[in-house]
Amino acid sequence: MLEEFLNDLGKFMVILVREEIKTPRPRFTKSPRMMKRNSPYNFYATGRGWRSVSYEVLDDELYILMEDYMINYVFGDGSKPRTPPRSREAIASLEKWIKAKGIVPRDRRGRFMKVKSMAFAIGKNLSKVGYAGYNYQTQDFNNEVVGFMETLLSTPQYQDLALNETIQEILDRINTLGQQTYNIAIGE
């Protein structure tokens, strides 16, 4: 019964996390002079991170899984200033991101430039200032999860579970983990 409940909760949480990835929000970096608060931005470019969100129930625990870079950089602390990415894989990853976002590379004078040149420029800027991560587990997110849990626990199917477990005990069974390493361009 607990496993069924956690499966239903996992399906719901995957939907919520995917909505958070596609929700536009203010963009900013860790450098105060680089704030871009009026620029709506979402974390959905190539769709790889969005597609990687899944869940698994093991030993009466619910694991929300996604790409490691989503856990560490997008929803974590972000990226610290570091050495600019120079490897072929890192630049190829940034090129793919530029194309997925539909960015038309232009220099300061408005002239077109190569995607590869823009990938180097973006990598250099990220290496100087880094960027801040985003906490998706906001109060609204948590309220939606708790509301869904209360609705499930009020159904006849889960009445016995409602008598044996509190919502907090069930929340303690939820873990958010990465599942694989990817995206050398934004890694540390």
N, C-alpha and C. Protein backbone atom coordinates (compact mmCIF):
# COMPACT_ATOMS: atom_id res chain seq x y z
N MET A 1 0.82 -1.19 0.00
CA MET A 1 0.00 0.00 0.00
C MET A 1 0.87 1.26 0.00
N LEU A 2 1.93 1.28 0.84
CA LEU A 2 2.83 2.43 0.87
C LEU A 2 3.53 2.58 -0.47
N GLU A 3 3.91 1.46 -1.07
CA GLU A 3 4.59 1.52 -2.37
C GLU A 3 3.68 2.10 -3.45
N GLU A 4 2.41 1.72 -3.45
CA GLU A 4 1.44 2.29 -4.40
C GLU A 4 1.31 3.80 -4.19
N PHE A 5 1.22 4.18 -2.93
CA PHE A 5 1.09 5.60 -2.60
C PHE A 5 2.30 6.38 -3.10
N LEU A 6 3.49 5.85 -2.83
CA LEU A 6 4.71 6.53 -3.28
C LEU A 6 4.81 6.58 -4.80
N ASN A 7 4.30 5.56 -5.49
CA ASN A 7 4.26 5.58 -6.95
C ASN A 7 3.35 6.70 -7.45
N ASP A 8 2.16 6.82 -6.85
CA ASP A 8 1.24 7.90 -7.24
C ASP A 8 1.86 9.26 -6.97
N LEU A 9 2.51 9.39 -5.81
CA LEU A 9 3.17 10.65 -5.45
C LEU A 9 4.33 10.94 -6.39
N GLY A 10 5.09 9.92 -6.76
CA GLY A 10 6.22 10.09 -7.68
C GLY A 10 5.77 10.60 -9.04
N LYS A 11 4.69 10.05 -9.57
CA LYS A 11 4.16 10.51 -10.86
C LYS A 11 3.79 11.99 -10.78
N PHE A 12 3.14 12.37 -9.68
CA PHE A 12 2.73 13.76 -9.50
C PHE A 12 3.94 14.69 -9.39
N MET A 13 4.95 14.27 -8.62
CA MET A 13 6.13 15.12 -8.42
C MET A 13 6.93 15.29 -9.71
N VAL A 14 6.98 14.25 -10.54
CA VAL A 14 7.67 14.36 -11.83
C VAL A 14 7.00 15.45 -12.67
N ILE A 15 5.67 15.46 -12.68
CA ILE A 15 4.94 16.48 -13.43
C ILE A 15 5.26 17.87 -12.88
N LEU A 16 5.28 18.01 -11.55
CA LEU A 16 5.57 19.32 -10.94
C LEU A 16 6.99 19.81 -11.26
N VAL A 17 7.97 18.92 -11.15
CA VAL A 17 9.36 19.32 -11.42
C VAL A 17 9.51 19.70 -12.89
N ARG A 18 8.88 18.96 -13.78
CA ARG A 18 8.94 19.31 -15.21
C ARG A 18 8.29 20.65 -15.48
N GLU A 19 7.20 20.97 -14.78
CA GLU A 19 6.59 22.30 -14.93
C GLU A 19 7.55 23.38 -14.45
N GLU A 20 8.27 23.13 -13.36
CA GLU A 20 9.23 24.10 -12.85
C GLU A 20 10.35 24.35 -13.86
N ILE A 21 10.77 23.31 -14.55
CA ILE A 21 11.84 23.46 -15.54
C ILE A 21 11.38 24.36 -16.68
N LYS A 22 10.12 24.25 -17.08
CA LYS A 22 9.61 25.04 -18.20
C LYS A 22 9.05 26.41 -17.79
N THR A 23 8.95 26.70 -16.51
CA THR A 23 8.38 27.96 -16.05
C THR A 23 9.39 29.09 -16.19
N PRO A 24 9.05 30.17 -16.92
CA PRO A 24 9.97 31.31 -17.02
C PRO A 24 10.15 31.98 -15.66
N ARG A 25 11.37 32.39 -15.38
CA ARG A 25 11.67 33.06 -14.12
C ARG A 25 12.81 34.04 -14.36
N PRO A 26 13.03 34.95 -13.43
CA PRO A 26 14.13 35.91 -13.61
C PRO A 26 15.48 35.19 -13.70
N ARG A 27 16.34 35.72 -14.52
CA ARG A 27 17.67 35.14 -14.70
C ARG A 27 18.68 36.05 -14.02
N PHE A 28 19.60 35.48 -13.30
CA PHE A 28 20.67 36.27 -12.71
C PHE A 28 21.88 35.40 -12.49
N THR A 29 23.02 36.05 -12.37
CA THR A 29 24.26 35.35 -12.13
C THR A 29 24.71 35.65 -10.71
N LYS A 30 25.81 35.07 -10.30
CA LYS A 30 26.32 35.30 -8.96
C LYS A 30 27.02 36.65 -8.83
N SER A 31 27.29 37.30 -9.94
CA SER A 31 27.94 38.61 -9.91
C SER A 31 26.86 39.69 -9.83
N PRO A 32 26.90 40.58 -8.82
CA PRO A 32 25.85 41.60 -8.67
C PRO A 32 25.71 42.50 -9.89
N ARG A 33 26.78 42.75 -10.60
CA ARG A 33 26.69 43.64 -11.76
C ARG A 33 26.10 42.95 -12.98
N MET A 34 25.83 41.65 -12.86
CA MET A 34 25.32 40.90 -14.00
C MET A 34 23.84 40.51 -13.83
N MET A 35 23.12 41.19 -12.93
CA MET A 35 21.71 40.85 -12.72
C MET A 35 20.91 41.09 -14.00
N LYS A 36 20.05 40.17 -14.34
CA LYS A 36 19.19 40.29 -15.51
C LYS A 36 17.78 39.93 -15.09
N ARG A 37 17.23 40.67 -14.17
CA ARG A 37 15.95 40.31 -13.57
C ARG A 37 14.77 40.46 -14.53
N ASN A 38 14.85 41.27 -15.55
CA ASN A 38 13.73 41.46 -16.46
C ASN A 38 13.78 40.53 -17.65
N SER A 39 14.65 39.57 -17.61
CA SER A 39 14.83 38.65 -18.73
C SER A 39 14.26 37.29 -18.36
N PRO A 40 13.01 36.98 -18.78
CA PRO A 40 12.45 35.68 -18.43
C PRO A 40 13.26 34.55 -19.05
N TYR A 41 13.44 33.51 -18.30
CA TYR A 41 14.33 32.43 -18.69
C TYR A 41 13.81 31.14 -18.09
N ASN A 42 13.86 30.05 -18.84
CA ASN A 42 13.54 28.75 -18.25
C ASN A 42 14.72 27.82 -18.47
N PHE A 43 14.69 26.68 -17.81
CA PHE A 43 15.80 25.74 -17.88
C PHE A 43 15.59 24.68 -18.95
N TYR A 44 14.69 24.94 -19.88
CA TYR A 44 14.39 23.98 -20.93
C TYR A 44 15.02 24.48 -22.22
N ALA A 45 16.09 23.87 -22.65
CA ALA A 45 16.71 24.25 -23.92
C ALA A 45 16.67 23.04 -24.85
N THR A 46 17.52 22.08 -24.60
CA THR A 46 17.56 20.89 -25.46
C THR A 46 16.53 19.86 -25.01
N GLY A 47 16.02 19.98 -23.81
CA GLY A 47 15.01 19.05 -23.30
C GLY A 47 15.60 17.84 -22.61
N ARG A 48 16.92 17.72 -22.60
CA ARG A 48 17.54 16.55 -21.99
C ARG A 48 17.28 16.49 -20.48
N GLY A 49 17.42 17.62 -19.80
CA GLY A 49 17.16 17.65 -18.36
C GLY A 49 15.69 17.38 -18.06
N TRP A 50 14.80 17.95 -18.85
CA TRP A 50 13.36 17.77 -18.67
C TRP A 50 12.99 16.30 -18.82
N ARG A 51 13.54 15.67 -19.87
CA ARG A 51 13.25 14.26 -20.12
C ARG A 51 13.86 13.34 -19.05
N SER A 52 14.92 13.80 -18.41
CA SER A 52 15.60 12.94 -17.43
C SER A 52 14.86 12.86 -16.10
N VAL A 53 13.90 13.73 -15.86
CA VAL A 53 13.18 13.70 -14.58
C VAL A 53 12.30 12.46 -14.52
N SER A 54 12.53 11.65 -13.50
CA SER A 54 11.76 10.43 -13.31
C SER A 54 11.71 10.13 -11.82
N TYR A 55 11.13 9.01 -11.47
CA TYR A 55 11.10 8.63 -10.06
C TYR A 55 11.32 7.12 -9.95
N GLU A 56 11.66 6.71 -8.75
CA GLU A 56 11.85 5.30 -8.47
C GLU A 56 11.50 5.08 -7.01
N VAL A 57 10.85 3.97 -6.71
CA VAL A 57 10.52 3.61 -5.33
C VAL A 57 11.37 2.40 -4.96
N LEU A 58 12.22 2.58 -3.95
CA LEU A 58 13.09 1.50 -3.46
C LEU A 58 13.03 1.47 -1.94
N ASP A 59 12.78 0.32 -1.38
CA ASP A 59 12.78 0.15 0.08
C ASP A 59 11.92 1.20 0.78
N ASP A 60 10.71 1.38 0.29
CA ASP A 60 9.75 2.34 0.87
C ASP A 60 10.29 3.77 0.90
N GLU A 61 11.12 4.11 -0.07
CA GLU A 61 11.62 5.48 -0.23
C GLU A 61 11.32 5.91 -1.66
N LEU A 62 10.98 7.17 -1.84
CA LEU A 62 10.71 7.73 -3.17
C LEU A 62 11.91 8.55 -3.59
N TYR A 63 12.48 8.23 -4.73
CA TYR A 63 13.63 8.95 -5.27
C TYR A 63 13.20 9.69 -6.53
N ILE A 64 13.36 11.00 -6.52
CA ILE A 64 13.13 11.81 -7.71
C ILE A 64 14.49 11.90 -8.39
N LEU A 65 14.57 11.39 -9.62
CA LEU A 65 15.84 11.30 -10.34
C LEU A 65 15.88 12.30 -11.49
N MET A 66 17.06 12.82 -11.77
CA MET A 66 17.29 13.68 -12.93
C MET A 66 18.78 13.75 -13.18
N GLU A 67 19.14 14.33 -14.30
CA GLU A 67 20.56 14.47 -14.64
C GLU A 67 21.32 15.13 -13.48
N ASP A 68 22.56 14.71 -13.27
CA ASP A 68 23.36 15.28 -12.19
C ASP A 68 23.50 16.79 -12.32
N TYR A 69 23.68 17.30 -13.53
CA TYR A 69 23.87 18.74 -13.67
C TYR A 69 22.62 19.50 -13.25
N MET A 70 21.44 18.88 -13.38
CA MET A 70 20.21 19.54 -12.93
C MET A 70 20.22 19.67 -11.41
N ILE A 71 20.67 18.63 -10.73
CA ILE A 71 20.72 18.64 -9.27
C ILE A 71 21.80 19.60 -8.78
N ASN A 72 22.99 19.51 -9.37
CA ASN A 72 24.13 20.26 -8.86
C ASN A 72 24.15 21.73 -9.27
N TYR A 73 23.74 22.03 -10.50
CA TYR A 73 23.92 23.38 -11.00
C TYR A 73 22.62 24.14 -11.21
N VAL A 74 21.63 23.51 -11.80
CA VAL A 74 20.37 24.22 -12.08
C VAL A 74 19.58 24.39 -10.80
N PHE A 75 19.33 23.29 -10.08
CA PHE A 75 18.54 23.35 -8.85
C PHE A 75 19.41 23.39 -7.61
N GLY A 76 20.71 23.39 -7.78
CA GLY A 76 21.62 23.42 -6.63
C GLY A 76 22.16 24.83 -6.40
N ASP A 77 23.45 24.90 -6.12
CA ASP A 77 24.09 26.17 -5.82
C ASP A 77 24.48 26.95 -7.06
N GLY A 78 24.37 26.35 -8.21
CA GLY A 78 24.81 27.02 -9.44
C GLY A 78 26.25 26.67 -9.73
N SER A 79 26.90 27.54 -10.46
CA SER A 79 28.28 27.31 -10.87
C SER A 79 29.15 28.43 -10.34
N LYS A 80 30.30 28.07 -9.81
CA LYS A 80 31.24 29.07 -9.31
C LYS A 80 32.13 29.55 -10.45
N PRO A 81 32.70 30.75 -10.31
CA PRO A 81 33.70 31.17 -11.31
C PRO A 81 34.84 30.14 -11.35
N ARG A 82 35.33 29.85 -12.55
CA ARG A 82 36.36 28.83 -12.72
C ARG A 82 37.07 29.02 -14.05
N THR A 83 37.90 28.08 -14.42
CA THR A 83 38.60 28.11 -15.69
C THR A 83 37.59 27.95 -16.82
N PRO A 84 37.72 28.77 -17.88
CA PRO A 84 36.77 28.65 -19.00
C PRO A 84 36.82 27.26 -19.63
N PRO A 85 35.67 26.76 -20.10
CA PRO A 85 35.67 25.45 -20.77
C PRO A 85 36.38 25.54 -22.11
N ARG A 86 37.27 24.60 -22.37
CA ARG A 86 38.01 24.60 -23.63
C ARG A 86 37.94 23.28 -24.37
N SER A 87 37.45 22.24 -23.71
CA SER A 87 37.42 20.93 -24.36
C SER A 87 36.40 20.92 -25.49
N ARG A 88 36.58 20.02 -26.42
CA ARG A 88 35.65 19.90 -27.55
C ARG A 88 34.24 19.58 -27.07
N GLU A 89 34.15 18.69 -26.05
CA GLU A 89 32.84 18.30 -25.53
C GLU A 89 32.12 19.50 -24.90
N ALA A 90 32.87 20.31 -24.16
CA ALA A 90 32.26 21.47 -23.50
C ALA A 90 31.75 22.48 -24.52
N ILE A 91 32.57 22.77 -25.53
CA ILE A 91 32.16 23.74 -26.55
C ILE A 91 31.01 23.17 -27.38
N ALA A 92 31.05 21.89 -27.70
CA ALA A 92 29.95 21.26 -28.45
C ALA A 92 28.65 21.33 -27.65
N SER A 93 28.76 21.15 -26.35
CA SER A 93 27.57 21.22 -25.49
C SER A 93 26.99 22.63 -25.50
N LEU A 94 27.85 23.64 -25.42
CA LEU A 94 27.38 25.03 -25.47
C LEU A 94 26.80 25.37 -26.85
N GLU A 95 27.41 24.86 -27.91
CA GLU A 95 26.87 25.09 -29.26
C GLU A 95 25.46 24.50 -29.38
N LYS A 96 25.30 23.31 -28.87
CA LYS A 96 23.99 22.66 -28.91
C LYS A 96 22.96 23.50 -28.14
N TRP A 97 23.36 24.03 -26.99
CA TRP A 97 22.47 24.87 -26.18
C TRP A 97 22.09 26.14 -26.94
N ILE A 98 23.06 26.78 -27.58
CA ILE A 98 22.82 28.01 -28.35
C ILE A 98 21.79 27.74 -29.45
N LYS A 99 21.98 26.66 -30.18
CA LYS A 99 21.06 26.32 -31.27
C LYS A 99 19.66 25.99 -30.73
N ALA A 100 19.61 25.27 -29.62
CA ALA A 100 18.31 24.91 -29.04
C ALA A 100 17.55 26.14 -28.55
N LYS A 101 18.26 27.13 -28.04
CA LYS A 101 17.62 28.35 -27.57
C LYS A 101 17.24 29.29 -28.72
N GLY A 102 17.73 28.99 -29.92
CA GLY A 102 17.40 29.83 -31.07
C GLY A 102 18.14 31.15 -31.07
N ILE A 103 19.30 31.20 -30.45
CA ILE A 103 20.08 32.42 -30.36
C ILE A 103 20.81 32.64 -31.67
N VAL A 104 20.72 33.86 -32.19
CA VAL A 104 21.45 34.22 -33.41
C VAL A 104 22.73 34.93 -32.96
N PRO A 105 23.89 34.29 -33.14
CA PRO A 105 25.14 34.88 -32.66
C PRO A 105 25.50 36.16 -33.42
N ARG A 106 25.67 37.23 -32.66
CA ARG A 106 26.11 38.51 -33.22
C ARG A 106 27.15 39.12 -32.28
N ASP A 107 28.06 39.87 -32.85
CA ASP A 107 29.04 40.55 -32.01
C ASP A 107 28.48 41.90 -31.56
N ARG A 108 29.31 42.70 -30.88
CA ARG A 108 28.84 43.99 -30.35
C ARG A 108 28.39 44.97 -31.42
N ARG A 109 28.94 44.82 -32.61
CA ARG A 109 28.58 45.73 -33.72
C ARG A 109 27.36 45.23 -34.49
N GLY A 110 26.81 44.08 -34.09
CA GLY A 110 25.64 43.56 -34.76
C GLY A 110 25.94 42.62 -35.91
N ARG A 111 27.22 42.34 -36.14
CA ARG A 111 27.58 41.43 -37.22
C ARG A 111 27.41 39.99 -36.78
N PHE A 112 27.04 39.15 -37.73
CA PHE A 112 26.88 37.73 -37.42
C PHE A 112 28.23 37.12 -37.09
N MET A 113 28.22 36.17 -36.18
CA MET A 113 29.44 35.46 -35.83
C MET A 113 29.15 33.95 -35.81
N LYS A 114 30.19 33.16 -35.77
CA LYS A 114 30.04 31.71 -35.77
C LYS A 114 29.50 31.25 -34.41
N VAL A 115 28.74 30.17 -34.46
CA VAL A 115 28.18 29.60 -33.23
C VAL A 115 29.31 29.18 -32.29
N LYS A 116 30.38 28.65 -32.87
CA LYS A 116 31.51 28.22 -32.05
C LYS A 116 32.13 29.39 -31.30
N SER A 117 32.24 30.54 -31.96
CA SER A 117 32.79 31.73 -31.31
C SER A 117 31.90 32.18 -30.16
N MET A 118 30.59 32.10 -30.40
CA MET A 118 29.67 32.48 -29.33
C MET A 118 29.75 31.49 -28.17
N ALA A 119 29.93 30.21 -28.47
CA ALA A 119 30.06 29.21 -27.41
C ALA A 119 31.28 29.53 -26.54
N PHE A 120 32.39 29.91 -27.17
CA PHE A 120 33.57 30.30 -26.39
C PHE A 120 33.27 31.53 -25.54
N ALA A 121 32.56 32.51 -26.10
CA ALA A 121 32.23 33.73 -25.36
C ALA A 121 31.32 33.43 -24.17
N ILE A 122 30.33 32.60 -24.37
CA ILE A 122 29.43 32.23 -23.26
C ILE A 122 30.20 31.47 -22.19
N GLY A 123 31.05 30.54 -22.61
CA GLY A 123 31.87 29.80 -21.66
C GLY A 123 32.79 30.71 -20.87
N LYS A 124 33.36 31.71 -21.54
CA LYS A 124 34.25 32.66 -20.87
C LYS A 124 33.47 33.47 -19.84
N ASN A 125 32.26 33.92 -20.20
CA ASN A 125 31.45 34.70 -19.27
C ASN A 125 31.02 33.86 -18.07
N LEU A 126 30.57 32.63 -18.33
CA LEU A 126 30.20 31.74 -17.23
C LEU A 126 31.38 31.50 -16.30
N SER A 127 32.57 31.41 -16.88
CA SER A 127 33.74 31.14 -16.05
C SER A 127 34.11 32.35 -15.19
N LYS A 128 33.78 33.54 -15.64
CA LYS A 128 34.10 34.75 -14.86
C LYS A 128 33.15 34.94 -13.68
N VAL A 129 31.85 34.80 -13.94
CA VAL A 129 30.87 35.15 -12.91
C VAL A 129 30.11 33.96 -12.36
N GLY A 130 30.09 32.84 -13.08
CA GLY A 130 29.27 31.72 -12.67
C GLY A 130 27.79 32.07 -12.83
N TYR A 131 26.93 31.30 -12.25
CA TYR A 131 25.51 31.63 -12.26
C TYR A 131 24.86 30.99 -11.04
N ALA A 132 23.78 31.57 -10.63
CA ALA A 132 23.09 31.09 -9.44
C ALA A 132 22.12 29.97 -9.80
N GLY A 133 21.99 29.03 -8.92
CA GLY A 133 21.02 27.95 -9.11
C GLY A 133 19.64 28.42 -8.69
N TYR A 134 18.65 27.57 -8.89
CA TYR A 134 17.27 27.90 -8.58
C TYR A 134 16.69 26.83 -7.67
N ASN A 135 16.09 27.23 -6.58
CA ASN A 135 15.47 26.28 -5.67
C ASN A 135 14.04 26.03 -6.13
N TYR A 136 13.78 24.85 -6.65
CA TYR A 136 12.43 24.56 -7.14
C TYR A 136 11.48 24.19 -6.01
N GLN A 137 12.01 23.82 -4.85
CA GLN A 137 11.14 23.42 -3.76
C GLN A 137 10.71 24.65 -2.95
N THR A 138 9.94 25.49 -3.62
CA THR A 138 9.42 26.69 -2.98
C THR A 138 8.22 26.32 -2.11
N GLN A 139 7.71 27.29 -1.40
CA GLN A 139 6.54 27.05 -0.56
C GLN A 139 5.35 26.60 -1.39
N ASP A 140 5.17 27.22 -2.57
CA ASP A 140 4.06 26.82 -3.45
C ASP A 140 4.21 25.36 -3.89
N PHE A 141 5.44 24.98 -4.26
CA PHE A 141 5.71 23.60 -4.68
C PHE A 141 5.37 22.64 -3.54
N ASN A 142 5.90 22.95 -2.35
CA ASN A 142 5.65 22.08 -1.19
C ASN A 142 4.17 22.01 -0.84
N ASN A 143 3.46 23.14 -0.96
CA ASN A 143 2.02 23.15 -0.68
C ASN A 143 1.27 22.25 -1.66
N GLU A 144 1.68 22.28 -2.94
CA GLU A 144 1.03 21.42 -3.93
C GLU A 144 1.26 19.94 -3.62
N VAL A 145 2.49 19.60 -3.21
CA VAL A 145 2.81 18.21 -2.88
C VAL A 145 2.00 17.76 -1.66
N VAL A 146 1.98 18.59 -0.61
CA VAL A 146 1.24 18.23 0.60
C VAL A 146 -0.25 18.15 0.30
N GLY A 147 -0.77 19.08 -0.49
CA GLY A 147 -2.19 19.04 -0.87
C GLY A 147 -2.54 17.77 -1.62
N PHE A 148 -1.67 17.36 -2.53
CA PHE A 148 -1.89 16.12 -3.27
C PHE A 148 -1.86 14.92 -2.33
N MET A 149 -0.91 14.92 -1.38
CA MET A 149 -0.81 13.83 -0.42
C MET A 149 -2.07 13.75 0.44
N GLU A 150 -2.56 14.89 0.89
CA GLU A 150 -3.79 14.90 1.70
C GLU A 150 -4.97 14.37 0.91
N THR A 151 -5.05 14.74 -0.36
CA THR A 151 -6.14 14.24 -1.22
C THR A 151 -6.05 12.72 -1.38
N LEU A 152 -4.82 12.23 -1.62
CA LEU A 152 -4.64 10.78 -1.76
C LEU A 152 -4.98 10.04 -0.47
N LEU A 153 -4.53 10.59 0.66
CA LEU A 153 -4.76 9.92 1.94
C LEU A 153 -6.23 9.91 2.34
N SER A 154 -7.01 10.82 1.76
CA SER A 154 -8.44 10.85 2.09
C SER A 154 -9.26 9.84 1.27
N THR A 155 -8.63 9.22 0.28
CA THR A 155 -9.34 8.21 -0.51
C THR A 155 -9.42 6.90 0.28
N PRO A 156 -10.46 6.11 0.04
CA PRO A 156 -10.60 4.83 0.76
C PRO A 156 -9.41 3.89 0.57
N GLN A 157 -8.78 3.97 -0.58
CA GLN A 157 -7.64 3.09 -0.89
C GLN A 157 -6.50 3.26 0.10
N TYR A 158 -6.30 4.48 0.60
CA TYR A 158 -5.15 4.77 1.46
C TYR A 158 -5.55 5.11 2.90
N GLN A 159 -6.74 4.73 3.33
CA GLN A 159 -7.19 5.02 4.69
C GLN A 159 -6.29 4.38 5.74
N ASP A 160 -5.89 3.12 5.54
CA ASP A 160 -5.01 2.46 6.51
C ASP A 160 -3.66 3.15 6.60
N LEU A 161 -3.15 3.60 5.48
CA LEU A 161 -1.88 4.31 5.47
C LEU A 161 -2.00 5.63 6.23
N ALA A 162 -3.13 6.32 6.08
CA ALA A 162 -3.36 7.59 6.77
C ALA A 162 -3.37 7.39 8.28
N LEU A 163 -3.79 6.23 8.74
CA LEU A 163 -3.81 5.95 10.18
C LEU A 163 -2.42 5.63 10.72
N ASN A 164 -1.57 5.05 9.88
CA ASN A 164 -0.26 4.59 10.34
C ASN A 164 0.87 5.60 10.11
N GLU A 165 0.76 6.47 9.12
CA GLU A 165 1.85 7.38 8.77
C GLU A 165 1.35 8.82 8.74
N THR A 166 2.16 9.74 9.25
CA THR A 166 1.82 11.16 9.13
C THR A 166 2.37 11.69 7.82
N ILE A 167 1.91 12.84 7.42
CA ILE A 167 2.41 13.44 6.17
C ILE A 167 3.90 13.71 6.30
N GLN A 168 4.34 14.17 7.46
CA GLN A 168 5.77 14.45 7.64
C GLN A 168 6.60 13.17 7.51
N GLU A 169 6.12 12.06 8.03
CA GLU A 169 6.85 10.80 7.90
C GLU A 169 6.96 10.38 6.43
N ILE A 170 5.91 10.63 5.68
CA ILE A 170 5.95 10.30 4.25
C ILE A 170 6.89 11.25 3.53
N LEU A 171 6.86 12.55 3.87
CA LEU A 171 7.77 13.52 3.25
C LEU A 171 9.22 13.16 3.51
N ASP A 172 9.50 12.59 4.67
CA ASP A 172 10.87 12.19 4.99
C ASP A 172 11.35 11.03 4.12
N ARG A 173 10.45 10.37 3.41
CA ARG A 173 10.80 9.26 2.53
C ARG A 173 11.14 9.73 1.12
N ILE A 174 11.09 11.03 0.85
CA ILE A 174 11.34 11.56 -0.49
C ILE A 174 12.78 12.06 -0.58
N ASN A 175 13.49 11.62 -1.60
CA ASN A 175 14.87 12.03 -1.83
C ASN A 175 15.01 12.52 -3.28
N THR A 176 15.83 13.54 -3.48
CA THR A 176 16.10 14.03 -4.82
C THR A 176 17.55 13.71 -5.15
N LEU A 177 17.75 12.93 -6.20
CA LEU A 177 19.09 12.47 -6.56
C LEU A 177 19.34 12.63 -8.04
N GLY A 178 20.60 12.85 -8.40
CA GLY A 178 21.01 12.80 -9.80
C GLY A 178 21.19 11.34 -10.20
N GLN A 179 21.28 11.10 -11.50
CA GLN A 179 21.44 9.72 -11.94
C GLN A 179 22.62 9.51 -12.88
N GLN A 180 23.14 10.57 -13.46
CA GLN A 180 24.31 10.39 -14.31
C GLN A 180 24.99 11.74 -14.54
N THR A 181 26.26 11.69 -14.94
CA THR A 181 27.02 12.90 -15.19
C THR A 181 26.86 13.30 -16.64
N TYR A 182 26.66 14.60 -16.87
CA TYR A 182 26.45 15.10 -18.23
C TYR A 182 26.80 16.58 -18.23
N ASN A 183 27.00 17.13 -19.40
CA ASN A 183 27.17 18.55 -19.63
C ASN A 183 28.45 19.10 -19.00
N ILE A 184 29.54 18.76 -19.60
CA ILE A 184 30.86 19.20 -19.15
C ILE A 184 30.96 20.73 -19.19
N ALA A 185 30.21 21.36 -20.08
CA ALA A 185 30.34 22.81 -20.27
C ALA A 185 30.00 23.59 -19.03
N ILE A 186 29.03 23.15 -18.25
CA ILE A 186 28.68 23.94 -17.08
C ILE A 186 29.14 23.32 -15.79
N GLY A 187 29.82 22.19 -15.88
CA GLY A 187 30.34 21.54 -14.67
C GLY A 187 31.55 22.28 -14.14
N GLU A 188 31.93 21.95 -12.92
CA GLU A 188 33.10 22.61 -12.33
C GLU A 188 34.37 21.84 -12.64
